[in-house]
PDB file of N, CA and C in Angstrom:
ATOM      1  N   MET A   1     141.285  47.655 102.637  1.00  0.00           N
ATOM      2  CA  MET A   1     141.388  47.958 101.351  1.00  0.00           C
ATOM      3  C   MET A   1     140.004  47.845 100.661  1.00  0.00           C
ATOM      4  N   VAL A   2     139.748  48.686  99.701  1.00  0.00           N
ATOM      5  CA  VAL A   2     138.514  48.727  98.945  1.00  0.00           C
ATOM      6  C   VAL A   2     138.552  47.844  97.693  1.00  0.00           C
ATOM      7  N   ASP A   3     137.531  46.943  97.565  1.00  0.00           N
ATOM      8  CA  ASP A   3     137.433  46.167  96.374  1.00  0.00           C
ATOM      9  C   ASP A   3     136.774  46.964  95.287  1.00  0.00           C
ATOM     10  N   TRP A   4     137.663  47.590  94.522  1.00  0.00           N
ATOM     11  CA  TRP A   4     137.181  48.511  93.470  1.00  0.00           C
ATOM     12  C   TRP A   4     136.300  47.745  92.406  1.00  0.00           C
ATOM     13  N   PRO A   5     136.668  46.668  91.881  1.00  0.00           N
ATOM     14  CA  PRO A   5     135.822  46.106  90.943  1.00  0.00           C
ATOM     15  C   PRO A   5     134.428  45.793  91.486  1.00  0.00           C
ATOM     16  N   SER A   6     134.308  45.362  92.640  1.00  0.00           N
ATOM     17  CA  SER A   6     133.070  45.023  93.258  1.00  0.00           C
ATOM     18  C   SER A   6     132.299  46.324  93.505  1.00  0.00           C
ATOM     19  N   ALA A   7     132.937  47.405  93.938  1.00  0.00           N
ATOM     20  CA  ALA A   7     132.252  48.621  94.148  1.00  0.00           C
ATOM     21  C   ALA A   7     131.705  49.322  92.857  1.00  0.00           C
ATOM     22  N   ILE A   8     132.560  49.057  91.825  1.00  0.00           N
ATOM     23  CA  ILE A   8     132.143  49.624  90.517  1.00  0.00           C
ATOM     24  C   ILE A   8     130.922  48.809  90.006  1.00  0.00           C
ATOM     25  N   ALA A   9     130.895  47.525  90.172  1.00  0.00           N
ATOM     26  CA  ALA A   9     129.773  46.632  89.779  1.00  0.00           C
ATOM     27  C   ALA A   9     128.492  47.085  90.531  1.00  0.00           C
ATOM     28  N   GLN A  10     128.673  47.330  91.831  1.00  0.00           N
ATOM     29  CA  GLN A  10     127.495  47.726  92.628  1.00  0.00           C
ATOM     30  C   GLN A  10     126.931  49.113  92.180  1.00  0.00           C
ATOM     31  N   ILE A  11     127.969  50.023  91.769  1.00  0.00           N
ATOM     32  CA  ILE A  11     127.497  51.291  91.332  1.00  0.00           C
ATOM     33  C   ILE A  11     126.802  51.101  90.010  1.00  0.00           C
ATOM     34  N   ARG A  12     127.280  50.236  89.084  1.00  0.00           N
ATOM     35  CA  ARG A  12     126.630  50.056  87.782  1.00  0.00           C
ATOM     36  C   ARG A  12     125.249  49.379  88.019  1.00  0.00           C
ATOM     37  N   GLU A  13     125.141  48.385  88.976  1.00  0.00           N
ATOM     38  CA  GLU A  13     123.839  47.833  89.238  1.00  0.00           C
ATOM     39  C   GLU A  13     122.850  48.923  89.768  1.00  0.00           C
ATOM     40  N   ALA A  14     123.410  49.736  90.680  1.00  0.00           N
ATOM     41  CA  ALA A  14     122.500  50.741  91.205  1.00  0.00           C
ATOM     42  C   ALA A  14     122.009  51.732  90.080  1.00  0.00           C
ATOM     43  N   GLY A  15     122.969  52.037  89.201  1.00  0.00           N
ATOM     44  CA  GLY A  15     122.623  52.971  88.135  1.00  0.00           C
ATOM     45  C   GLY A  15     121.602  52.296  87.182  1.00  0.00           C
ATOM     46  N   ALA A  16     121.800  51.003  86.911  1.00  0.00           N
ATOM     47  CA  ALA A  16     120.815  50.242  86.062  1.00  0.00           C
ATOM     48  C   ALA A  16     119.514  50.213  86.700  1.00  0.00           C
ATOM     49  N   HIS A  17     119.443  49.994  88.028  1.00  0.00           N
ATOM     50  CA  HIS A  17     118.302  49.934  88.796  1.00  0.00           C
ATOM     51  C   HIS A  17     117.622  51.325  88.755  1.00  0.00           C
ATOM     52  N   LEU A  18     118.361  52.391  88.932  1.00  0.00           N
ATOM     53  CA  LEU A  18     117.776  53.766  88.811  1.00  0.00           C
ATOM     54  C   LEU A  18     117.179  53.995  87.429  1.00  0.00           C
ATOM     55  N   ARG A  19     117.854  53.579  86.444  1.00  0.00           N
ATOM     56  CA  ARG A  19     117.384  53.823  85.091  1.00  0.00           C
ATOM     57  C   ARG A  19     116.118  53.018  84.858  1.00  0.00           C
ATOM     58  N   ARG A  20     116.034  51.756  85.359  1.00  0.00           N
ATOM     59  CA  ARG A  20     114.824  51.038  85.172  1.00  0.00           C
ATOM     60  C   ARG A  20     113.653  51.664  85.968  1.00  0.00           C
ATOM     61  N   MET A  21     113.970  52.126  87.197  1.00  0.00           N
ATOM     62  CA  MET A  21     112.955  52.847  87.935  1.00  0.00           C
ATOM     63  C   MET A  21     112.509  54.100  87.278  1.00  0.00           C
ATOM     64  N   HIS A  22     113.464  54.856  86.655  1.00  0.00           N
ATOM     65  CA  HIS A  22     113.143  56.093  85.880  1.00  0.00           C
ATOM     66  C   HIS A  22     112.306  55.743  84.689  1.00  0.00           C
ATOM     67  N   ASP A  23     112.589  54.669  84.010  1.00  0.00           N
ATOM     68  CA  ASP A  23     111.787  54.207  82.808  1.00  0.00           C
ATOM     69  C   ASP A  23     110.352  53.749  83.312  1.00  0.00           C
ATOM     70  N   VAL A  24     110.323  53.123  84.443  1.00  0.00           N
ATOM     71  CA  VAL A  24     108.957  52.701  84.960  1.00  0.00           C
ATOM     72  C   VAL A  24     108.150  53.935  85.303  1.00  0.00           C
ATOM     73  N   ALA A  25     108.824  54.906  86.011  1.00  0.00           N
ATOM     74  CA  ALA A  25     108.096  56.120  86.375  1.00  0.00           C
ATOM     75  C   ALA A  25     107.704  56.968  85.196  1.00  0.00           C
ATOM     76  N   GLN A  26     108.500  56.958  84.120  1.00  0.00           N
ATOM     77  CA  GLN A  26     108.098  57.670  82.886  1.00  0.00           C
ATOM     78  C   GLN A  26     106.899  56.994  82.319  1.00  0.00           C
ATOM     79  N   ALA A  27     106.928  55.686  82.218  1.00  0.00           N
ATOM     80  CA  ALA A  27     105.862  54.905  81.655  1.00  0.00           C
ATOM     81  C   ALA A  27     104.534  55.098  82.433  1.00  0.00           C
ATOM     82  N   MET A  28     104.723  55.128  83.754  1.00  0.00           N
ATOM     83  CA  MET A  28     103.522  55.365  84.638  1.00  0.00           C
ATOM     84  C   MET A  28     103.059  56.818  84.374  1.00  0.00           C
ATOM     85  N   SER A  29     103.973  57.741  84.199  1.00  0.00           N
ATOM     86  CA  SER A  29     103.594  59.167  84.001  1.00  0.00           C
ATOM     87  C   SER A  29     102.880  59.222  82.633  1.00  0.00           C
ATOM     88  N   ARG A  30     103.380  58.602  81.625  1.00  0.00           N
ATOM     89  CA  ARG A  30     102.744  58.631  80.288  1.00  0.00           C
ATOM     90  C   ARG A  30     101.295  58.047  80.316  1.00  0.00           C
ATOM     91  N   HIS A  31     101.268  56.873  81.048  1.00  0.00           N
ATOM     92  CA  HIS A  31      99.937  56.189  81.259  1.00  0.00           C
ATOM     93  C   HIS A  31      98.998  57.086  82.032  1.00  0.00           C
ATOM     94  N   ALA A  32      99.470  57.819  83.083  1.00  0.00           N
ATOM     95  CA  ALA A  32      98.603  58.724  83.835  1.00  0.00           C
ATOM     96  C   ALA A  32      98.172  59.880  82.970  1.00  0.00           C
ATOM     97  N   ARG A  33      99.017  60.475  82.150  1.00  0.00           N
ATOM     98  CA  ARG A  33      98.707  61.504  81.261  1.00  0.00           C
ATOM     99  C   ARG A  33      97.653  61.044  80.223  1.00  0.00           C
ATOM    100  N   ALA A  34      97.779  59.822  79.670  1.00  0.00           N
ATOM    101  CA  ALA A  34      96.831  59.302  78.721  1.00  0.00           C
ATOM    102  C   ALA A  34      95.492  59.101  79.394  1.00  0.00           C
ATOM    103  N   MET A  35      95.447  58.654  80.632  1.00  0.00           N
ATOM    104  CA  MET A  35      94.208  58.474  81.367  1.00  0.00           C
ATOM    105  C   MET A  35      93.514  59.860  81.546  1.00  0.00           C
ATOM    106  N   ILE A  36      94.363  60.786  81.884  1.00  0.00           N
ATOM    107  CA  ILE A  36      93.860  62.204  82.111  1.00  0.00           C
ATOM    108  C   ILE A  36      93.312  62.738  80.848  1.00  0.00           C
ATOM    109  N   ARG A  37      94.065  62.567  79.751  1.00  0.00           N
ATOM    110  CA  ARG A  37      93.435  62.958  78.413  1.00  0.00           C
ATOM    111  C   ARG A  37      92.146  62.248  78.022  1.00  0.00           C
ATOM    112  N   ARG A  38      92.106  60.956  78.355  1.00  0.00           N
ATOM    113  CA  ARG A  38      90.856  60.285  77.996  1.00  0.00           C
ATOM    114  C   ARG A  38      89.697  60.706  78.898  1.00  0.00           C
ATOM    115  N   SER A  39      90.062  60.964  80.197  1.00  0.00           N
ATOM    116  CA  SER A  39      88.968  61.478  81.083  1.00  0.00           C
ATOM    117  C   SER A  39      88.538  62.881  80.625  1.00  0.00           C
ATOM    118  N   LEU A  40      89.512  63.695  80.196  1.00  0.00           N
ATOM    119  CA  LEU A  40      89.078  65.079  79.772  1.00  0.00           C
ATOM    120  C   LEU A  40      88.186  64.948  78.505  1.00  0.00           C
ATOM    121  N   ASP A  41      88.693  64.050  77.548  1.00  0.00           N
ATOM    122  CA  ASP A  41      87.846  63.882  76.365  1.00  0.00           C
ATOM    123  C   ASP A  41      86.468  63.337  76.658  1.00  0.00           C
ATOM    124  N   GLN A  42      86.406  62.354  77.581  1.00  0.00           N
ATOM    125  CA  GLN A  42      85.135  61.813  77.953  1.00  0.00           C
ATOM    126  C   GLN A  42      84.242  62.918  78.659  1.00  0.00           C
ATOM    127  N   THR A  43      84.896  63.700  79.507  1.00  0.00           N
ATOM    128  CA  THR A  43      84.173  64.736  80.203  1.00  0.00           C
ATOM    129  C   THR A  43      83.655  65.790  79.197  1.00  0.00           C
ATOM    130  N   GLU A  44      84.462  66.221  78.216  1.00  0.00           N
ATOM    131  CA  GLU A  44      84.027  67.185  77.168  1.00  0.00           C
ATOM    132  C   GLU A  44      82.894  66.592  76.381  1.00  0.00           C
ATOM    133  N   GLU A  45      82.996  65.288  76.002  1.00  0.00           N
ATOM    134  CA  GLU A  45      81.995  64.635  75.293  1.00  0.00           C
ATOM    135  C   GLU A  45      80.670  64.566  76.099  1.00  0.00           C
ATOM    136  N   ALA A  46      80.710  64.229  77.372  1.00  0.00           N
ATOM    137  CA  ALA A  46      79.622  64.245  78.264  1.00  0.00           C
ATOM    138  C   ALA A  46      79.010  65.617  78.345  1.00  0.00           C
ATOM    139  N   GLU A  47      79.851  66.677  78.384  1.00  0.00           N
ATOM    140  CA  GLU A  47      79.289  68.019  78.449  1.00  0.00           C
ATOM    141  C   GLU A  47      78.566  68.311  77.177  1.00  0.00           C
ATOM    142  N   ARG A  48      79.172  67.945  76.038  1.00  0.00           N
ATOM    143  CA  ARG A  48      78.504  68.200  74.775  1.00  0.00           C
ATOM    144  C   ARG A  48      77.126  67.497  74.695  1.00  0.00           C
ATOM    145  N   ARG A  49      77.078  66.254  75.100  1.00  0.00           N
ATOM    146  CA  ARG A  49      75.853  65.496  75.202  1.00  0.00           C
ATOM    147  C   ARG A  49      74.873  66.170  76.117  1.00  0.00           C
ATOM    148  N   ALA A  50      75.336  66.640  77.305  1.00  0.00           N
ATOM    149  CA  ALA A  50      74.474  67.311  78.234  1.00  0.00           C
ATOM    150  C   ALA A  50      73.897  68.621  77.605  1.00  0.00           C
ATOM    151  N   HIS A  51      74.772  69.321  76.875  1.00  0.00           N
ATOM    152  CA  HIS A  51      74.243  70.602  76.269  1.00  0.00           C
ATOM    153  C   HIS A  51      73.233  70.240  75.182  1.00  0.00           C
ATOM    154  N   THR A  52      73.503  69.217  74.406  1.00  0.00           N
ATOM    155  CA  THR A  52      72.533  68.749  73.355  1.00  0.00           C
ATOM    156  C   THR A  52      71.272  68.326  73.974  1.00  0.00           C
ATOM    157  N   ALA A  53      71.368  67.591  75.033  1.00  0.00           N
ATOM    158  CA  ALA A  53      70.118  67.097  75.789  1.00  0.00           C
ATOM    159  C   ALA A  53      69.401  68.288  76.321  1.00  0.00           C
ATOM    160  N   GLU A  54      70.057  69.262  76.851  1.00  0.00           N
ATOM    161  CA  GLU A  54      69.418  70.446  77.486  1.00  0.00           C
ATOM    162  C   GLU A  54      68.765  71.207  76.382  1.00  0.00           C
ATOM    163  N   ALA A  55      69.421  71.383  75.211  1.00  0.00           N
ATOM    164  CA  ALA A  55      68.758  72.098  74.108  1.00  0.00           C
ATOM    165  C   ALA A  55      67.549  71.439  73.655  1.00  0.00           C
ATOM    166  N   ALA A  56      67.620  70.100  73.516  1.00  0.00           N
ATOM    167  CA  ALA A  56      66.485  69.230  73.121  1.00  0.00           C
ATOM    168  C   ALA A  56      65.296  69.376  74.154  1.00  0.00           C
ATOM    169  N   ALA A  57      65.660  69.455  75.401  1.00  0.00           N
ATOM    170  CA  ALA A  57      64.626  69.608  76.464  1.00  0.00           C
ATOM    171  C   ALA A  57      63.977  70.919  76.343  1.00  0.00           C
ATOM    172  N   VAL A  58      64.798  71.959  76.079  1.00  0.00           N
ATOM    173  CA  VAL A  58      64.196  73.337  75.924  1.00  0.00           C
ATOM    174  C   VAL A  58      63.269  73.362  74.711  1.00  0.00           C
ATOM    175  N   ALA A  59      63.793  72.783  73.652  1.00  0.00           N
ATOM    176  CA  ALA A  59      62.995  72.775  72.409  1.00  0.00           C
ATOM    177  C   ALA A  59      61.602  71.978  72.726  1.00  0.00           C
ATOM    178  N   ALA A  60      61.686  70.793  73.309  1.00  0.00           N
ATOM    179  CA  ALA A  60      60.531  70.060  73.701  1.00  0.00           C
ATOM    180  C   ALA A  60      59.632  70.827  74.561  1.00  0.00           C
ATOM    181  N   SER A  61      60.199  71.511  75.537  1.00  0.00           N
ATOM    182  CA  SER A  61      59.360  72.353  76.403  1.00  0.00           C
ATOM    183  C   SER A  61      58.612  73.480  75.667  1.00  0.00           C
ATOM    184  N   LEU A  62      59.350  74.097  74.754  1.00  0.00           N
ATOM    185  CA  LEU A  62      58.713  75.092  73.848  1.00  0.00           C
ATOM    186  C   LEU A  62      57.560  74.488  73.038  1.00  0.00           C
ATOM    187  N   ARG A  63      57.843  73.389  72.454  1.00  0.00           N
ATOM    188  CA  ARG A  63      56.786  72.754  71.630  1.00  0.00           C
ATOM    189  C   ARG A  63      55.595  72.335  72.573  1.00  0.00           C
ATOM    190  N   ALA A  64      55.885  71.865  73.729  1.00  0.00           N
ATOM    191  CA  ALA A  64      54.775  71.521  74.651  1.00  0.00           C
ATOM    192  C   ALA A  64      53.959  72.796  75.044  1.00  0.00           C
ATOM    193  N   ASP A  65      54.619  73.871  75.286  1.00  0.00           N
ATOM    194  CA  ASP A  65      53.942  75.166  75.615  1.00  0.00           C
ATOM    195  C   ASP A  65      53.103  75.586  74.412  1.00  0.00           C
ATOM    196  N   GLY A  66      53.639  75.464  73.214  1.00  0.00           N
ATOM    197  CA  GLY A  66      52.925  75.799  71.992  1.00  0.00           C
ATOM    198  C   GLY A  66      51.718  74.903  71.815  1.00  0.00           C
ATOM    199  N   ALA A  67      51.893  73.568  72.131  1.00  0.00           N
ATOM    200  CA  ALA A  67      50.765  72.691  72.005  1.00  0.00           C
ATOM    201  C   ALA A  67      49.745  72.975  73.040  1.00  0.00           C
ATOM    202  N   GLU A  68      50.135  73.293  74.191  1.00  0.00           N
ATOM    203  CA  GLU A  68      49.163  73.651  75.284  1.00  0.00           C
ATOM    204  C   GLU A  68      48.338  74.916  74.820  1.00  0.00           C
ATOM    205  N   GLU A  69      49.025  75.927  74.247  1.00  0.00           N
ATOM    206  CA  GLU A  69      48.359  77.043  73.945  1.00  0.00           C
ATOM    207  C   GLU A  69      47.376  76.816  72.749  1.00  0.00           C
ATOM    208  N   ARG A  70      47.831  76.010  71.772  1.00  0.00           N
ATOM    209  CA  ARG A  70      46.887  75.586  70.682  1.00  0.00           C
ATOM    210  C   ARG A  70      45.675  74.835  71.174  1.00  0.00           C
ATOM    211  N   LEU A  71      45.973  74.018  72.209  1.00  0.00           N
ATOM    212  CA  LEU A  71      44.813  73.217  72.806  1.00  0.00           C
ATOM    213  C   LEU A  71      43.862  74.201  73.462  1.00  0.00           C
ATOM    214  N   ARG A  72      44.384  75.148  74.212  1.00  0.00           N
ATOM    215  CA  ARG A  72      43.482  76.190  74.922  1.00  0.00           C
ATOM    216  C   ARG A  72      42.700  76.935  73.795  1.00  0.00           C
ATOM    217  N   GLN A  73      43.310  77.276  72.699  1.00  0.00           N
ATOM    218  CA  GLN A  73      42.668  77.991  71.638  1.00  0.00           C
ATOM    219  C   GLN A  73      41.550  77.082  71.010  1.00  0.00           C
ATOM    220  N   ALA A  74      41.860  75.811  70.782  1.00  0.00           N
ATOM    221  CA  ALA A  74      40.932  74.901  70.254  1.00  0.00           C
ATOM    222  C   ALA A  74      39.773  74.724  71.154  1.00  0.00           C
ATOM    223  N   GLU A  75      40.009  74.580  72.459  1.00  0.00           N
ATOM    224  CA  GLU A  75      38.950  74.417  73.432  1.00  0.00           C
ATOM    225  C   GLU A  75      38.076  75.680  73.451  1.00  0.00           C
ATOM    226  N   ALA A  76      38.664  76.907  73.282  1.00  0.00           N
ATOM    227  CA  ALA A  76      37.883  78.103  73.276  1.00  0.00           C
ATOM    228  C   ALA A  76      36.982  78.093  72.083  1.00  0.00           C
ATOM    229  N   ARG A  77      37.597  77.691  70.910  1.00  0.00           N
ATOM    230  CA  ARG A  77      36.793  77.608  69.678  1.00  0.00           C
ATOM    231  C   ARG A  77      35.606  76.640  69.762  1.00  0.00           C
ATOM    232  N   ALA A  78      35.924  75.500  70.423  1.00  0.00           N
ATOM    233  CA  ALA A  78      34.898  74.499  70.591  1.00  0.00           C
ATOM    234  C   ALA A  78      33.770  75.062  71.538  1.00  0.00           C
ATOM    235  N   ARG A  79      34.139  75.810  72.590  1.00  0.00           N
ATOM    236  CA  ARG A  79      33.114  76.337  73.447  1.00  0.00           C
ATOM    237  C   ARG A  79      32.228  77.395  72.734  1.00  0.00           C
ATOM    238  N   LEU A  80      32.967  78.273  71.883  1.00  0.00           N
ATOM    239  CA  LEU A  80      32.266  79.211  71.101  1.00  0.00           C
ATOM    240  C   LEU A  80      31.325  78.532  70.095  1.00  0.00           C
ATOM    241  N   ALA A  81      31.820  77.449  69.444  1.00  0.00           N
ATOM    242  CA  ALA A  81      30.902  76.721  68.488  1.00  0.00           C
ATOM    243  C   ALA A  81      29.684  76.092  69.265  1.00  0.00           C
ATOM    244  N   GLU A  82      30.013  75.600  70.405  1.00  0.00           N
ATOM    245  CA  GLU A  82      28.830  74.999  71.206  1.00  0.00           C
ATOM    246  C   GLU A  82      27.783  76.105  71.555  1.00  0.00           C
ATOM    247  N   ASP A  83      28.330  77.302  71.951  1.00  0.00           N
ATOM    248  CA  ASP A  83      27.460  78.426  72.317  1.00  0.00           C
ATOM    249  C   ASP A  83      26.729  78.825  71.037  1.00  0.00           C
ATOM    250  N   ARG A  84      27.335  78.929  69.923  1.00  0.00           N
ATOM    251  CA  ARG A  84      26.661  79.302  68.692  1.00  0.00           C
ATOM    252  C   ARG A  84      25.632  78.242  68.213  1.00  0.00           C
ATOM    253  N   ALA A  85      25.995  76.958  68.469  1.00  0.00           N
ATOM    254  CA  ALA A  85      25.092  75.926  68.065  1.00  0.00           C
ATOM    255  C   ALA A  85      23.817  75.978  68.983  1.00  0.00           C
ATOM    256  N   ALA A  86      23.994  76.274  70.283  1.00  0.00           N
ATOM    257  CA  ALA A  86      22.903  76.397  71.191  1.00  0.00           C
ATOM    258  C   ALA A  86      21.994  77.582  70.800  1.00  0.00           C
ATOM    259  N   ILE A  87      22.636  78.665  70.391  1.00  0.00           N
ATOM    260  CA  ILE A  87      21.850  79.875  69.967  1.00  0.00           C
ATOM    261  C   ILE A  87      21.084  79.476  68.659  1.00  0.00           C
ATOM    262  N   ALA A  88      21.761  78.727  67.718  1.00  0.00           N
ATOM    263  CA  ALA A  88      21.127  78.353  66.562  1.00  0.00           C
ATOM    264  C   ALA A  88      19.918  77.470  66.822  1.00  0.00           C
ATOM    265  N   VAL A  89      20.019  76.487  67.724  1.00  0.00           N
ATOM    266  CA  VAL A  89      18.965  75.590  68.094  1.00  0.00           C
ATOM    267  C   VAL A  89      17.787  76.438  68.663  1.00  0.00           C
ATOM    268  N   ALA A  90      18.113  77.375  69.598  1.00  0.00           N
ATOM    269  CA  ALA A  90      17.091  78.219  70.143  1.00  0.00           C
ATOM    270  C   ALA A  90      16.430  79.096  69.033  1.00  0.00           C
ATOM    271  N   ALA A  91      17.187  79.590  68.105  1.00  0.00           N
ATOM    272  CA  ALA A  91      16.647  80.372  67.080  1.00  0.00           C
ATOM    273  C   ALA A  91      15.713  79.524  66.153  1.00  0.00           C
ATOM    274  N   GLU A  92      16.168  78.330  65.913  1.00  0.00           N
ATOM    275  CA  GLU A  92      15.375  77.379  65.096  1.00  0.00           C
ATOM    276  C   GLU A  92      14.047  77.089  65.773  1.00  0.00           C
ATOM    277  N   ALA A  93      14.101  76.827  67.178  1.00  0.00           N
ATOM    278  CA  ALA A  93      12.893  76.517  67.827  1.00  0.00           C
ATOM    279  C   ALA A  93      11.999  77.602  67.856  1.00  0.00           C
ATOM    280  N   GLU A  94      12.490  78.939  67.991  1.00  0.00           N
ATOM    281  CA  GLU A  94      11.624  80.070  67.985  1.00  0.00           C
ATOM    282  C   GLU A  94      11.048  80.235  66.617  1.00  0.00           C
ATOM    283  N   ALA A  95      11.808  79.905  65.534  1.00  0.00           N
ATOM    284  CA  ALA A  95      11.281  80.074  64.241  1.00  0.00           C
ATOM    285  C   ALA A  95      10.177  79.019  63.943  1.00  0.00           C
ATOM    286  N   GLN A  96      10.378  77.764  64.532  1.00  0.00           N
ATOM    287  CA  GLN A  96       9.366  76.722  64.366  1.00  0.00           C
ATOM    288  C   GLN A  96       8.077  77.237  65.054  1.00  0.00           C
ATOM    289  N   ILE A  97       8.275  77.795  66.208  1.00  0.00           N
ATOM    290  CA  ILE A  97       7.038  78.238  66.961  1.00  0.00           C
ATOM    291  C   ILE A  97       6.321  79.382  66.136  1.00  0.00           C
ATOM    292  N   TRP A  98       7.061  80.308  65.616  1.00  0.00           N
ATOM    293  CA  TRP A  98       6.491  81.381  64.878  1.00  0.00           C
ATOM    294  C   TRP A  98       5.841  80.798  63.623  1.00  0.00           C
ATOM    295  N   LEU A  99       6.487  79.808  62.904  1.00  0.00           N
ATOM    296  CA  LEU A  99       5.845  79.163  61.756  1.00  0.00           C
ATOM    297  C   LEU A  99       4.603  78.483  62.088  1.00  0.00           C
ATOM    298  N   ARG A 100       4.525  77.824  63.206  1.00  0.00           N
ATOM    299  CA  ARG A 100       3.374  77.071  63.592  1.00  0.00           C
ATOM    300  C   ARG A 100       2.227  78.076  63.887  1.00  0.00           C
ATOM    301  N   ARG A 101       2.601  79.163  64.578  1.00  0.00           N
ATOM    302  CA  ARG A 101       1.597  80.186  64.890  1.00  0.00           C
ATOM    303  C   ARG A 101       0.935  80.833  63.543  1.00  0.00           C
ATOM    304  N   THR A 102       1.978  81.208  62.743  1.00  0.00           N
ATOM    305  CA  THR A 102       1.576  81.719  61.467  1.00  0.00           C
ATOM    306  C   THR A 102       0.678  80.796  60.639  1.00  0.00           C
ATOM    307  N   TYR A 103       1.124  79.519  60.581  1.00  0.00           N
ATOM    308  CA  TYR A 103       0.306  78.493  59.947  1.00  0.00           C
ATOM    309  C   TYR A 103      -1.062  78.406  60.498  1.00  0.00           C
ATOM    310  N   ALA A 104      -1.182  78.389  61.832  1.00  0.00           N
ATOM    311  CA  ALA A 104      -2.445  78.297  62.580  1.00  0.00           C
ATOM    312  C   ALA A 104      -3.288  79.536  62.184  1.00  0.00           C
ATOM    313  N   CYS A 105      -2.679  80.668  62.271  1.00  0.00           N
ATOM    314  CA  CYS A 105      -3.419  81.878  61.908  1.00  0.00           C
ATOM    315  C   CYS A 105      -3.983  81.868  60.508  1.00  0.00           C
ATOM    316  N   LEU A 106      -3.105  81.462  59.528  1.00  0.00           N
ATOM    317  CA  LEU A 106      -3.432  81.365  58.112  1.00  0.00           C
ATOM    318  C   LEU A 106      -4.546  80.387  57.989  1.00  0.00           C
ATOM    319  N   LYS A 107      -4.422  79.266  58.637  1.00  0.00           N
ATOM    320  CA  LYS A 107      -5.490  78.225  58.523  1.00  0.00           C
ATOM    321  C   LYS A 107      -6.780  78.668  59.086  1.00  0.00           C
ATOM    322  N   ALA A 108      -6.730  79.429  60.239  1.00  0.00           N
ATOM    323  CA  ALA A 108      -7.995  79.927  60.794  1.00  0.00           C
ATOM    324  C   ALA A 108      -8.580  80.977  59.882  1.00  0.00           C
ATOM    325  N   GLU A 109      -7.739  81.813  59.337  1.00  0.00           N
ATOM    326  CA  GLU A 109      -8.216  82.869  58.375  1.00  0.00           C
ATOM    327  C   GLU A 109      -8.790  82.266  57.172  1.00  0.00           C
ATOM    328  N   SER A 110      -8.152  81.190  56.594  1.00  0.00           N
ATOM    329  CA  SER A 110      -8.665  80.540  55.459  1.00  0.00           C
ATOM    330  C   SER A 110     -10.020  79.857  55.752  1.00  0.00           C
ATOM    331  N   SER A 111     -10.073  79.210  56.984  1.00  0.00           N
ATOM    332  CA  SER A 111     -11.341  78.602  57.365  1.00  0.00           C
ATOM    333  C   SER A 111     -12.438  79.585  57.464  1.00  0.00           C
ATOM    334  N   ASN A 112     -12.174  80.790  58.034  1.00  0.00           N
ATOM    335  CA  ASN A 112     -13.162  81.809  58.203  1.00  0.00           C
ATOM    336  C   ASN A 112     -13.509  82.401  56.785  1.00  0.00           C
ATOM    337  N   THR A 113     -12.642  82.505  55.908  1.00  0.00           N
ATOM    338  CA  THR A 113     -12.900  83.017  54.593  1.00  0.00           C
ATOM    339  C   THR A 113     -13.774  82.059  53.780  1.00  0.00           C
ATOM    340  N   GLU A 114     -13.503  80.787  53.876  1.00  0.00           N
ATOM    341  CA  GLU A 114     -14.225  79.722  53.262  1.00  0.00           C
ATOM    342  C   GLU A 114     -15.686  79.686  53.722  1.00  0.00           C
ATOM    343  N   SER A 115     -15.804  79.760  55.070  1.00  0.00           N
ATOM    344  CA  SER A 115     -17.162  79.612  55.569  1.00  0.00           C
ATOM    345  C   SER A 115     -17.946  80.931  55.327  1.00  0.00           C
ATOM    346  N   SER A 116     -17.314  81.990  55.199  1.00  0.00           N
ATOM    347  CA  SER A 116     -18.129  83.237  54.864  1.00  0.00           C
ATOM    348  C   SER A 116     -18.494  83.191  53.383  1.00  0.00           C
ATOM    349  N   ASN A 117     -17.721  82.609  52.531  1.00  0.00           N
ATOM    350  CA  ASN A 117     -18.047  82.511  51.123  1.00  0.00           C
ATOM    351  C   ASN A 117     -19.171  81.543  50.807  1.00  0.00           C
ATOM    352  N   THR A 118     -19.363  80.547  51.646  1.00  0.00           N
ATOM    353  CA  THR A 118     -20.364  79.531  51.440  1.00  0.00           C
ATOM    354  C   THR A 118     -21.686  79.950  52.051  1.00  0.00           C
ATOM    355  N   LYS A 119     -21.728  80.747  53.027  1.00  0.00           N
ATOM    356  CA  LYS A 119     -23.009  81.178  53.712  1.00  0.00           C
ATOM    357  C   LYS A 119     -23.544  82.433  52.955  1.00  0.00           C
ATOM    358  N   PRO A 120     -24.923  82.389  52.788  1.00  0.00           N
ATOM    359  CA  PRO A 120     -25.374  83.645  52.164  1.00  0.00           C
ATOM    360  C   PRO A 120     -25.467  84.699  53.149  1.00  0.00           C
ATOM    361  N   ALA A 121     -25.228  85.843  52.669  1.00  0.00           N
ATOM    362  CA  ALA A 121     -25.238  86.996  53.568  1.00  0.00           C
ATOM    363  C   ALA A 121     -26.680  87.412  53.886  1.00  0.00           C
ATOM    364  N   LYS A 122     -26.964  88.108  54.919  1.00  0.00           N
ATOM    365  CA  LYS A 122     -28.307  88.542  55.189  1.00  0.00           C
ATOM    366  C   LYS A 122     -28.737  89.516  54.146  1.00  0.00           C
ATOM    367  N   GLY A 123     -29.899  89.405  53.839  1.00  0.00           N
ATOM    368  CA  GLY A 123     -30.464  90.303  52.806  1.00  0.00           C
ATOM    369  C   GLY A 123     -30.292  89.837  51.370  1.00  0.00           C
ATOM    370  N   ASP A 124     -29.496  88.830  51.227  1.00  0.00           N
ATOM    371  CA  ASP A 124     -29.347  88.417  49.893  1.00  0.00           C
ATOM    372  C   ASP A 124     -30.529  87.482  49.554  1.00  0.00           C
ATOM    373  N   THR A 125     -31.072  87.751  48.463  1.00  0.00           N
ATOM    374  CA  THR A 125     -32.189  86.895  47.913  1.00  0.00           C
ATOM    375  C   THR A 125     -31.819  86.227  46.636  1.00  0.00           C
ATOM    376  N   GLN A 126     -32.394  85.061  46.670  1.00  0.00           N
ATOM    377  CA  GLN A 126     -32.096  84.303  45.420  1.00  0.00           C
ATOM    378  C   GLN A 126     -33.213  84.470  44.398  1.00  0.00           C
ATOM    379  N   THR A 127     -32.851  84.677  43.198  1.00  0.00           N
ATOM    380  CA  THR A 127     -33.790  84.824  42.171  1.00  0.00           C
ATOM    381  C   THR A 127     -33.714  83.664  41.188  1.00  0.00           C
ATOM    382  N   ARG A 128     -34.890  83.115  40.963  1.00  0.00           N
ATOM    383  CA  ARG A 128     -34.876  81.955  40.100  1.00  0.00           C
ATOM    384  C   ARG A 128     -35.681  82.196  38.914  1.00  0.00           C
TER     385      ARG A 128
END
């Protein structure tokens, strides 16, 4: 013969155990979904930060390229200025040489003119 009250109690215990296991499984499922959501949120945030960092790197690279170009232009201007300064120094030296020669010629001419003015010319007679 079957002990119905004991069988019913065992069925109730098994049902309660199944409900507890179902509740634990649901809690674990909710926890897993929450972890997945957090992981997705963190992944999306990391992707946003990566895109921001990439954009900043591109902008920095463009600024560096611009700075390098400006540096090349400044160096070219500096070389041009150095060349022009060398040309100006050479022109000044040439002008100094020309001025010295001109001064020497003028001095020699002045000296010749003064000496010819102080010497009596041939055939000049003095009357007293």
